[in-house]
Amino acid sequence: MPPKKISGSELLAELQTESLERTAPAPVAPASAPAAGGRPSKVGGKAVPLTMRVSEDQLARLRDAALDVSKAQGGKTVTPQDVVRMLIDRALADPAFPAFLIEDRS
């Protein structure tokens, strides 16, 4: 059976009587900080997302490097992103490293 249709004035009257009969709402606890979703960061608490595009060849080489590092570390899973993080960490530790990477060796 479809619900009974009522006029706007009847609806208003019904809402007004219901609003008088309502009790005060229960106090709401303050909202806590939302839980961080996803997996934990590999770089610590404060991480900034970085999106970059690489060619298929570059990605293949990063994967190869990740596999080599993984084998050297006893089978620990290493991703291409981990390889990029390692390169950044090395560059931060050794200021001459970036120049060494990009120097012309021809």
N, C-alpha and C. Protein backbone atom coordinates (compact mmCIF):
# COMPACT_ATOMS: atom_id res chain seq x y z
N MET A 1 0.84 -1.17 0.00
CA MET A 1 0.00 0.00 0.00
C MET A 1 0.90 1.24 0.00
N PRO A 2 0.70 2.16 -0.96
CA PRO A 2 1.52 3.37 -1.02
C PRO A 2 1.25 4.26 0.19
N PRO A 3 2.26 5.05 0.59
CA PRO A 3 2.06 5.93 1.74
C PRO A 3 0.98 6.97 1.45
N LYS A 4 0.31 7.38 2.50
CA LYS A 4 -0.77 8.37 2.38
C LYS A 4 -0.15 9.73 2.02
N LYS A 5 -0.70 10.38 1.02
CA LYS A 5 -0.22 11.70 0.63
C LYS A 5 -0.88 12.73 1.54
N ILE A 6 -0.06 13.66 2.02
CA ILE A 6 -0.62 14.73 2.85
C ILE A 6 -0.24 16.07 2.26
N SER A 7 -1.01 17.07 2.58
CA SER A 7 -0.75 18.40 2.05
C SER A 7 0.42 19.03 2.79
N GLY A 8 0.93 20.11 2.23
CA GLY A 8 2.03 20.83 2.85
C GLY A 8 1.69 21.35 4.23
N SER A 9 0.46 21.85 4.40
CA SER A 9 0.07 22.39 5.70
C SER A 9 -0.04 21.28 6.74
N GLU A 10 -0.54 20.10 6.31
CA GLU A 10 -0.61 18.97 7.25
C GLU A 10 0.80 18.52 7.64
N LEU A 11 1.70 18.49 6.68
CA LEU A 11 3.08 18.11 6.96
C LEU A 11 3.73 19.10 7.93
N LEU A 12 3.50 20.39 7.71
CA LEU A 12 4.05 21.41 8.58
C LEU A 12 3.51 21.25 10.00
N ALA A 13 2.21 21.03 10.13
CA ALA A 13 1.62 20.85 11.45
C ALA A 13 2.21 19.62 12.14
N GLU A 14 2.40 18.54 11.38
CA GLU A 14 2.96 17.32 11.96
C GLU A 14 4.39 17.53 12.41
N LEU A 15 5.17 18.24 11.61
CA LEU A 15 6.55 18.50 11.97
C LEU A 15 6.66 19.40 13.19
N GLN A 16 5.76 20.38 13.30
CA GLN A 16 5.80 21.29 14.46
C GLN A 16 5.47 20.54 15.74
N THR A 17 4.50 19.66 15.72
CA THR A 17 4.18 18.92 16.94
C THR A 17 5.29 17.95 17.29
N GLU A 18 5.92 17.33 16.29
CA GLU A 18 7.03 16.42 16.56
C GLU A 18 8.22 17.17 17.14
N SER A 19 8.49 18.38 16.65
CA SER A 19 9.65 19.11 17.14
C SER A 19 9.46 19.52 18.59
N LEU A 20 8.21 19.72 19.03
CA LEU A 20 7.97 20.07 20.43
C LEU A 20 8.14 18.86 21.33
N GLU A 21 7.91 17.68 20.81
CA GLU A 21 7.98 16.47 21.60
C GLU A 21 9.40 15.90 21.69
N ARG A 22 10.29 16.41 20.92
CA ARG A 22 11.65 15.88 20.91
C ARG A 22 12.38 16.27 22.18
N THR A 23 13.28 15.40 22.60
CA THR A 23 14.15 15.72 23.72
C THR A 23 15.46 16.28 23.17
N ALA A 24 16.24 16.83 24.05
CA ALA A 24 17.52 17.39 23.62
C ALA A 24 18.40 16.26 23.10
N PRO A 25 19.15 16.51 22.04
CA PRO A 25 20.01 15.46 21.50
C PRO A 25 21.12 15.10 22.49
N ALA A 26 21.54 13.88 22.43
CA ALA A 26 22.62 13.42 23.31
C ALA A 26 23.89 14.15 22.93
N PRO A 27 24.73 14.46 23.92
CA PRO A 27 25.98 15.15 23.60
C PRO A 27 26.85 14.27 22.70
N VAL A 28 27.51 14.92 21.78
CA VAL A 28 28.35 14.21 20.83
C VAL A 28 29.80 14.41 21.25
N ALA A 29 30.53 13.31 21.30
CA ALA A 29 31.94 13.39 21.65
C ALA A 29 32.69 14.08 20.52
N PRO A 30 33.70 14.87 20.84
CA PRO A 30 34.46 15.53 19.77
C PRO A 30 35.08 14.48 18.85
N ALA A 31 35.06 14.80 17.59
CA ALA A 31 35.59 13.86 16.60
C ALA A 31 37.09 13.77 16.74
N SER A 32 37.59 12.55 16.76
CA SER A 32 39.04 12.37 16.82
C SER A 32 39.59 12.49 15.40
N ALA A 33 40.88 12.62 15.34
CA ALA A 33 41.51 12.74 14.02
C ALA A 33 41.24 11.47 13.23
N PRO A 34 40.95 11.61 11.96
CA PRO A 34 40.66 10.42 11.17
C PRO A 34 41.89 9.51 11.09
N ALA A 35 41.65 8.24 11.12
CA ALA A 35 42.75 7.28 11.02
C ALA A 35 43.33 7.33 9.61
N ALA A 36 44.62 7.26 9.55
CA ALA A 36 45.27 7.27 8.25
C ALA A 36 44.98 5.94 7.56
N GLY A 37 44.61 6.03 6.31
CA GLY A 37 44.30 4.82 5.57
C GLY A 37 45.52 4.29 4.85
N GLY A 38 45.42 3.12 4.36
CA GLY A 38 46.50 2.54 3.57
C GLY A 38 47.62 1.98 4.42
N ARG A 39 48.68 1.63 3.75
CA ARG A 39 49.81 1.04 4.44
C ARG A 39 50.70 2.11 5.05
N PRO A 40 51.48 1.77 6.04
CA PRO A 40 52.36 2.76 6.66
C PRO A 40 53.46 3.22 5.70
N SER A 41 53.91 4.44 5.91
CA SER A 41 54.94 5.01 5.06
C SER A 41 56.27 4.32 5.32
N LYS A 42 57.04 4.12 4.28
CA LYS A 42 58.36 3.51 4.42
C LYS A 42 59.41 4.54 4.81
N VAL A 43 59.05 5.82 4.78
CA VAL A 43 60.03 6.86 5.02
C VAL A 43 59.81 7.60 6.33
N GLY A 44 58.93 7.10 7.17
CA GLY A 44 58.71 7.76 8.45
C GLY A 44 57.38 8.47 8.50
N GLY A 45 57.23 9.31 9.52
CA GLY A 45 55.95 9.95 9.78
C GLY A 45 55.51 10.97 8.75
N LYS A 46 56.39 11.85 8.39
CA LYS A 46 56.00 12.92 7.45
C LYS A 46 56.53 12.59 6.07
N ALA A 47 55.62 12.25 5.19
CA ALA A 47 56.01 11.92 3.82
C ALA A 47 55.18 12.77 2.87
N VAL A 48 55.80 13.19 1.79
CA VAL A 48 55.12 13.98 0.78
C VAL A 48 55.00 13.11 -0.47
N PRO A 49 53.79 12.93 -0.98
CA PRO A 49 53.66 12.10 -2.19
C PRO A 49 54.31 12.78 -3.39
N LEU A 50 54.93 11.98 -4.21
CA LEU A 50 55.60 12.48 -5.41
C LEU A 50 55.16 11.60 -6.58
N THR A 51 54.62 12.23 -7.59
CA THR A 51 54.22 11.50 -8.78
C THR A 51 55.14 11.91 -9.91
N MET A 52 55.71 10.91 -10.58
CA MET A 52 56.58 11.21 -11.71
C MET A 52 56.36 10.17 -12.79
N ARG A 53 56.57 10.57 -13.99
CA ARG A 53 56.42 9.66 -15.13
C ARG A 53 57.80 9.26 -15.60
N VAL A 54 57.94 7.98 -15.88
CA VAL A 54 59.19 7.46 -16.43
C VAL A 54 58.86 6.68 -17.69
N SER A 55 59.84 6.54 -18.55
CA SER A 55 59.61 5.77 -19.78
C SER A 55 59.56 4.28 -19.43
N GLU A 56 59.10 3.49 -20.37
CA GLU A 56 59.05 2.04 -20.16
C GLU A 56 60.45 1.48 -19.93
N ASP A 57 61.42 2.02 -20.67
CA ASP A 57 62.80 1.57 -20.51
C ASP A 57 63.32 1.93 -19.12
N GLN A 58 63.04 3.15 -18.66
CA GLN A 58 63.47 3.56 -17.33
C GLN A 58 62.84 2.68 -16.25
N LEU A 59 61.56 2.37 -16.41
CA LEU A 59 60.88 1.52 -15.44
C LEU A 59 61.48 0.11 -15.44
N ALA A 60 61.79 -0.39 -16.61
CA ALA A 60 62.41 -1.72 -16.70
C ALA A 60 63.76 -1.73 -15.98
N ARG A 61 64.53 -0.67 -16.15
CA ARG A 61 65.83 -0.59 -15.48
C ARG A 61 65.69 -0.44 -13.97
N LEU A 62 64.67 0.32 -13.54
CA LEU A 62 64.41 0.43 -12.10
C LEU A 62 63.99 -0.92 -11.53
N ARG A 63 63.19 -1.67 -12.28
CA ARG A 63 62.78 -3.01 -11.83
C ARG A 63 63.99 -3.94 -11.73
N ASP A 64 64.88 -3.86 -12.73
CA ASP A 64 66.09 -4.67 -12.69
C ASP A 64 66.94 -4.31 -11.48
N ALA A 65 67.08 -3.02 -11.21
CA ALA A 65 67.84 -2.57 -10.05
C ALA A 65 67.18 -3.05 -8.76
N ALA A 66 65.85 -3.00 -8.71
CA ALA A 66 65.14 -3.47 -7.52
C ALA A 66 65.38 -4.96 -7.31
N LEU A 67 65.37 -5.72 -8.39
CA LEU A 67 65.62 -7.16 -8.28
C LEU A 67 67.04 -7.42 -7.79
N ASP A 68 68.01 -6.67 -8.30
CA ASP A 68 69.40 -6.83 -7.86
C ASP A 68 69.54 -6.51 -6.37
N VAL A 69 68.93 -5.41 -5.94
CA VAL A 69 69.00 -5.03 -4.52
C VAL A 69 68.30 -6.09 -3.67
N SER A 70 67.17 -6.58 -4.16
CA SER A 70 66.43 -7.61 -3.44
C SER A 70 67.29 -8.86 -3.23
N LYS A 71 67.99 -9.28 -4.27
CA LYS A 71 68.87 -10.45 -4.15
C LYS A 71 70.01 -10.17 -3.18
N ALA A 72 70.57 -8.96 -3.23
CA ALA A 72 71.68 -8.60 -2.35
C ALA A 72 71.23 -8.52 -0.89
N GLN A 73 69.96 -8.23 -0.65
CA GLN A 73 69.45 -8.11 0.72
C GLN A 73 68.78 -9.40 1.19
N GLY A 74 69.07 -10.49 0.54
CA GLY A 74 68.56 -11.78 0.99
C GLY A 74 67.11 -12.04 0.65
N GLY A 75 66.63 -11.48 -0.44
CA GLY A 75 65.27 -11.76 -0.88
C GLY A 75 64.21 -10.80 -0.37
N LYS A 76 64.61 -9.78 0.37
CA LYS A 76 63.65 -8.78 0.84
C LYS A 76 63.02 -8.10 -0.37
N THR A 77 61.71 -7.89 -0.34
CA THR A 77 61.02 -7.27 -1.47
C THR A 77 61.43 -5.82 -1.61
N VAL A 78 61.91 -5.46 -2.78
CA VAL A 78 62.32 -4.08 -3.08
C VAL A 78 61.58 -3.66 -4.35
N THR A 79 60.96 -2.50 -4.32
CA THR A 79 60.20 -1.99 -5.46
C THR A 79 61.00 -0.93 -6.20
N PRO A 80 60.59 -0.59 -7.41
CA PRO A 80 61.25 0.52 -8.11
C PRO A 80 61.18 1.82 -7.29
N GLN A 81 60.08 2.02 -6.57
CA GLN A 81 59.97 3.22 -5.72
C GLN A 81 61.05 3.19 -4.63
N ASP A 82 61.33 2.00 -4.08
CA ASP A 82 62.37 1.88 -3.07
C ASP A 82 63.73 2.26 -3.66
N VAL A 83 63.97 1.87 -4.90
CA VAL A 83 65.24 2.21 -5.56
C VAL A 83 65.37 3.72 -5.69
N VAL A 84 64.28 4.39 -6.08
CA VAL A 84 64.31 5.86 -6.18
C VAL A 84 64.58 6.46 -4.81
N ARG A 85 63.94 5.94 -3.75
CA ARG A 85 64.20 6.44 -2.39
C ARG A 85 65.66 6.25 -2.01
N MET A 86 66.23 5.10 -2.36
CA MET A 86 67.64 4.84 -2.06
C MET A 86 68.55 5.84 -2.77
N LEU A 87 68.23 6.13 -4.02
CA LEU A 87 69.03 7.12 -4.77
C LEU A 87 68.94 8.50 -4.11
N ILE A 88 67.75 8.88 -3.69
CA ILE A 88 67.57 10.18 -3.02
C ILE A 88 68.34 10.21 -1.71
N ASP A 89 68.23 9.13 -0.92
CA ASP A 89 68.96 9.08 0.36
C ASP A 89 70.46 9.16 0.14
N ARG A 90 70.96 8.47 -0.87
CA ARG A 90 72.39 8.52 -1.17
C ARG A 90 72.81 9.93 -1.59
N ALA A 91 71.97 10.58 -2.41
CA ALA A 91 72.29 11.95 -2.84
C ALA A 91 72.30 12.92 -1.67
N LEU A 92 71.41 12.69 -0.70
CA LEU A 92 71.41 13.56 0.49
C LEU A 92 72.64 13.33 1.36
N ALA A 93 73.09 12.08 1.43
CA ALA A 93 74.25 11.76 2.26
C ALA A 93 75.57 12.15 1.60
N ASP A 94 75.62 12.09 0.26
CA ASP A 94 76.85 12.38 -0.47
C ASP A 94 76.56 13.40 -1.56
N PRO A 95 76.87 14.68 -1.31
CA PRO A 95 76.55 15.73 -2.28
C PRO A 95 77.20 15.54 -3.66
N ALA A 96 78.28 14.78 -3.75
CA ALA A 96 78.94 14.56 -5.03
C ALA A 96 78.24 13.46 -5.84
N PHE A 97 77.38 12.70 -5.22
CA PHE A 97 76.74 11.56 -5.89
C PHE A 97 75.88 11.98 -7.08
N PRO A 98 75.03 13.00 -6.98
CA PRO A 98 74.23 13.37 -8.16
C PRO A 98 75.10 13.75 -9.35
N ALA A 99 76.18 14.48 -9.12
CA ALA A 99 77.08 14.86 -10.22
C ALA A 99 77.70 13.61 -10.85
N PHE A 100 78.05 12.63 -9.99
CA PHE A 100 78.62 11.38 -10.50
C PHE A 100 77.60 10.65 -11.39
N LEU A 101 76.33 10.68 -11.02
CA LEU A 101 75.30 9.99 -11.79
C LEU A 101 75.08 10.61 -13.16
N ILE A 102 75.20 11.93 -13.24
CA ILE A 102 74.84 12.59 -14.49
C ILE A 102 76.04 13.02 -15.34
N GLU A 103 77.27 12.73 -14.87
CA GLU A 103 78.43 13.15 -15.67
C GLU A 103 78.49 12.38 -16.98
N ASP A 104 79.03 13.03 -17.98
CA ASP A 104 79.12 12.44 -19.31
C ASP A 104 80.26 11.44 -19.33
N ARG A 105 79.98 10.20 -19.65
CA ARG A 105 81.01 9.15 -19.65
C ARG A 105 81.33 8.67 -21.07
N SER A 106 81.08 9.49 -22.05
CA SER A 106 81.34 9.04 -23.43
C SER A 106 82.75 9.24 -23.88
